[in-house]
């Protein structure tokens, strides 16, 4: 699975931090919505197209938080 994008709401701490990830594997696209940092709770969504996955990302980023797109690390070799 390849991570394509990562957004963060810019807040620190288990109660405030939120992340949204866009990933792909072959023809399938996945969006992960995570609250609470690395030990937090995640919700996963699966899509057949990048456009549908990006529509979900836009919906998840809508709101009062100031979302930032973070760089994706290159794959390990």
N, C-alpha and C. Protein backbone atom coordinates (compact mmCIF):
# COMPACT_ATOMS: atom_id res chain seq x y z
N UNK A 1 0.84 -1.17 0.00
CA UNK A 1 0.00 0.00 0.00
C UNK A 1 0.90 1.24 0.00
N UNK A 2 0.55 2.20 -0.82
CA UNK A 2 1.34 3.43 -0.96
C UNK A 2 0.56 4.61 -0.38
N UNK A 3 1.21 5.34 0.51
CA UNK A 3 0.58 6.55 1.04
C UNK A 3 0.83 7.69 0.08
N UNK A 4 -0.24 8.36 -0.34
CA UNK A 4 -0.12 9.45 -1.30
C UNK A 4 -0.15 10.82 -0.64
N UNK A 5 -1.01 11.01 0.36
CA UNK A 5 -1.17 12.32 1.00
C UNK A 5 -1.43 12.13 2.49
N UNK A 6 -1.12 13.17 3.26
CA UNK A 6 -1.36 13.17 4.70
C UNK A 6 -1.69 14.61 5.11
N UNK A 7 -2.79 14.77 5.82
CA UNK A 7 -3.19 16.06 6.35
C UNK A 7 -3.27 15.97 7.86
N UNK A 8 -2.95 17.08 8.54
CA UNK A 8 -2.96 17.15 9.99
C UNK A 8 -3.63 18.46 10.39
N UNK A 9 -4.42 18.43 11.47
CA UNK A 9 -5.15 19.63 11.88
C UNK A 9 -4.28 20.62 12.65
N UNK A 10 -3.00 20.36 12.81
CA UNK A 10 -2.09 21.31 13.42
C UNK A 10 -2.15 21.37 14.94
N UNK A 11 -2.87 20.45 15.55
CA UNK A 11 -3.01 20.46 17.00
C UNK A 11 -2.25 19.29 17.60
N UNK A 12 -1.67 19.54 18.78
CA UNK A 12 -0.91 18.52 19.49
C UNK A 12 -1.76 17.94 20.60
N UNK A 13 -1.44 16.75 20.98
CA UNK A 13 -2.12 16.13 22.12
C UNK A 13 -3.12 15.08 21.68
N UNK A 14 -3.28 14.10 22.55
CA UNK A 14 -4.14 12.97 22.23
C UNK A 14 -5.59 13.37 21.99
N UNK A 15 -6.07 14.37 22.70
CA UNK A 15 -7.48 14.74 22.56
C UNK A 15 -7.75 15.65 21.38
N UNK A 16 -6.75 16.39 20.92
CA UNK A 16 -6.98 17.40 19.89
C UNK A 16 -6.51 17.00 18.49
N UNK A 17 -5.50 16.14 18.40
CA UNK A 17 -4.90 15.84 17.11
C UNK A 17 -5.83 15.01 16.22
N UNK A 18 -5.84 15.40 14.92
CA UNK A 18 -6.58 14.64 13.91
C UNK A 18 -5.69 14.53 12.67
N UNK A 19 -5.77 13.39 12.00
CA UNK A 19 -5.03 13.16 10.77
C UNK A 19 -5.95 12.52 9.74
N UNK A 20 -5.69 12.82 8.47
CA UNK A 20 -6.39 12.18 7.35
C UNK A 20 -5.32 11.71 6.37
N UNK A 21 -5.42 10.45 5.96
CA UNK A 21 -4.45 9.85 5.04
C UNK A 21 -5.15 9.39 3.77
N UNK A 22 -4.49 9.56 2.64
CA UNK A 22 -4.95 9.03 1.36
C UNK A 22 -3.93 8.00 0.91
N UNK A 23 -4.40 6.78 0.67
CA UNK A 23 -3.51 5.68 0.27
C UNK A 23 -4.11 4.96 -0.94
N UNK A 24 -3.24 4.26 -1.65
CA UNK A 24 -3.69 3.47 -2.79
C UNK A 24 -2.98 2.12 -2.80
N UNK A 25 -3.67 1.15 -3.36
CA UNK A 25 -3.11 -0.19 -3.55
C UNK A 25 -3.75 -0.74 -4.82
N UNK A 26 -2.98 -0.73 -5.90
CA UNK A 26 -3.54 -1.15 -7.19
C UNK A 26 -4.62 -0.17 -7.62
N UNK A 27 -5.82 -0.68 -7.90
CA UNK A 27 -6.93 0.17 -8.33
C UNK A 27 -7.80 0.65 -7.18
N UNK A 28 -7.48 0.27 -5.96
CA UNK A 28 -8.29 0.65 -4.80
C UNK A 28 -7.67 1.85 -4.11
N UNK A 29 -8.54 2.72 -3.59
CA UNK A 29 -8.13 3.91 -2.87
C UNK A 29 -8.70 3.84 -1.46
N UNK A 30 -7.92 4.31 -0.50
CA UNK A 30 -8.30 4.22 0.90
C UNK A 30 -8.10 5.57 1.59
N UNK A 31 -9.05 5.93 2.43
CA UNK A 31 -8.94 7.13 3.25
C UNK A 31 -9.02 6.67 4.70
N UNK A 32 -8.07 7.16 5.50
CA UNK A 32 -8.10 6.89 6.93
C UNK A 32 -8.29 8.20 7.66
N UNK A 33 -9.27 8.24 8.55
CA UNK A 33 -9.51 9.38 9.42
C UNK A 33 -9.11 8.94 10.83
N UNK A 34 -8.11 9.62 11.40
CA UNK A 34 -7.60 9.21 12.71
C UNK A 34 -7.72 10.37 13.70
N UNK A 35 -8.22 10.07 14.88
CA UNK A 35 -8.29 11.05 15.96
C UNK A 35 -7.46 10.54 17.12
N UNK A 36 -6.62 11.41 17.69
CA UNK A 36 -5.86 11.04 18.87
C UNK A 36 -4.44 10.61 18.62
N UNK A 37 -3.87 10.91 17.48
CA UNK A 37 -2.48 10.56 17.22
C UNK A 37 -2.30 9.09 16.91
N UNK A 38 -1.07 8.62 17.03
CA UNK A 38 -0.74 7.25 16.61
C UNK A 38 -1.46 6.19 17.44
N UNK A 39 -1.82 6.51 18.67
CA UNK A 39 -2.56 5.56 19.51
C UNK A 39 -4.06 5.80 19.49
N UNK A 40 -4.50 6.66 18.58
CA UNK A 40 -5.90 7.04 18.55
C UNK A 40 -6.79 6.04 17.83
N UNK A 41 -7.98 6.50 17.52
CA UNK A 41 -9.00 5.69 16.86
C UNK A 41 -9.08 6.08 15.39
N UNK A 42 -9.17 5.06 14.52
CA UNK A 42 -9.24 5.31 13.08
C UNK A 42 -10.54 4.79 12.49
N UNK A 43 -10.98 5.49 11.46
CA UNK A 43 -12.10 5.03 10.62
C UNK A 43 -11.54 4.93 9.21
N UNK A 44 -11.90 3.85 8.52
CA UNK A 44 -11.36 3.59 7.18
C UNK A 44 -12.48 3.59 6.15
N UNK A 45 -12.16 4.13 4.97
CA UNK A 45 -13.10 4.19 3.86
C UNK A 45 -12.38 3.66 2.62
N UNK A 46 -13.07 2.88 1.81
CA UNK A 46 -12.49 2.27 0.61
C UNK A 46 -13.26 2.75 -0.62
N UNK A 47 -12.51 3.06 -1.69
CA UNK A 47 -13.11 3.61 -2.90
C UNK A 47 -12.53 2.96 -4.15
N UNK A 48 -13.30 2.98 -5.21
CA UNK A 48 -12.86 2.43 -6.50
C UNK A 48 -12.15 3.44 -7.38
N UNK A 49 -12.17 4.73 -6.98
CA UNK A 49 -11.52 5.74 -7.80
C UNK A 49 -10.86 6.80 -6.92
N UNK A 50 -9.83 7.44 -7.47
CA UNK A 50 -9.15 8.51 -6.76
C UNK A 50 -10.09 9.68 -6.53
N UNK A 51 -10.93 10.01 -7.53
CA UNK A 51 -11.86 11.12 -7.38
C UNK A 51 -12.81 10.93 -6.21
N UNK A 52 -13.34 9.72 -6.07
CA UNK A 52 -14.26 9.43 -4.96
C UNK A 52 -13.54 9.55 -3.62
N UNK A 53 -12.30 9.05 -3.57
CA UNK A 53 -11.52 9.15 -2.33
C UNK A 53 -11.23 10.61 -1.99
N UNK A 54 -10.88 11.41 -2.99
CA UNK A 54 -10.61 12.83 -2.74
C UNK A 54 -11.86 13.59 -2.32
N UNK A 55 -13.02 13.18 -2.83
CA UNK A 55 -14.28 13.79 -2.37
C UNK A 55 -14.45 13.55 -0.87
N UNK A 56 -14.13 12.35 -0.41
CA UNK A 56 -14.23 12.03 1.02
C UNK A 56 -13.22 12.85 1.82
N UNK A 57 -12.00 12.98 1.31
CA UNK A 57 -10.98 13.78 1.99
C UNK A 57 -11.47 15.21 2.15
N UNK A 58 -12.00 15.80 1.08
CA UNK A 58 -12.49 17.18 1.15
C UNK A 58 -13.59 17.31 2.20
N UNK A 59 -14.48 16.34 2.28
CA UNK A 59 -15.55 16.37 3.28
C UNK A 59 -14.98 16.28 4.70
N UNK A 60 -13.97 15.44 4.89
CA UNK A 60 -13.38 15.29 6.22
C UNK A 60 -12.59 16.53 6.65
N UNK A 61 -12.02 17.24 5.70
CA UNK A 61 -11.22 18.43 6.02
C UNK A 61 -12.08 19.67 6.18
N UNK A 62 -13.35 19.57 5.87
CA UNK A 62 -14.26 20.70 5.98
C UNK A 62 -14.57 20.96 7.45
N UNK A 63 -14.41 22.18 7.90
CA UNK A 63 -14.71 22.51 9.28
C UNK A 63 -13.78 23.58 9.82
N UNK A 64 -13.80 23.77 11.13
CA UNK A 64 -13.06 24.89 11.73
C UNK A 64 -11.55 24.67 11.87
N UNK A 65 -11.07 23.44 11.77
CA UNK A 65 -9.63 23.20 11.92
C UNK A 65 -8.85 23.78 10.76
N UNK A 66 -7.60 24.16 11.03
CA UNK A 66 -6.70 24.66 9.98
C UNK A 66 -5.81 23.51 9.53
N UNK A 67 -6.27 22.77 8.54
CA UNK A 67 -5.57 21.57 8.07
C UNK A 67 -4.33 21.94 7.29
N UNK A 68 -3.28 21.13 7.46
CA UNK A 68 -2.02 21.30 6.73
C UNK A 68 -1.69 19.99 6.03
N UNK A 69 -1.25 20.11 4.79
CA UNK A 69 -0.80 18.91 4.10
C UNK A 69 0.66 18.67 4.47
N UNK A 70 0.95 17.47 4.92
CA UNK A 70 2.32 17.10 5.29
C UNK A 70 2.95 16.32 4.16
N UNK A 71 4.27 16.36 4.06
CA UNK A 71 4.97 15.59 3.03
C UNK A 71 4.88 14.10 3.36
N UNK A 72 4.84 13.35 2.31
CA UNK A 72 4.84 11.90 2.44
C UNK A 72 6.28 11.43 2.33
N UNK A 73 6.68 10.54 3.24
CA UNK A 73 8.04 9.99 3.18
C UNK A 73 8.17 9.07 1.99
N UNK A 74 9.30 9.12 1.29
CA UNK A 74 9.50 8.18 0.19
C UNK A 74 9.55 6.75 0.73
N UNK A 75 9.13 5.77 -0.08
CA UNK A 75 9.15 4.39 0.38
C UNK A 75 10.55 3.92 0.76
N UNK A 76 10.63 3.08 1.77
CA UNK A 76 11.94 2.52 2.19
C UNK A 76 12.42 1.53 1.13
N UNK A 77 13.72 1.49 0.95
CA UNK A 77 14.26 0.55 -0.04
C UNK A 77 15.09 -0.47 0.63
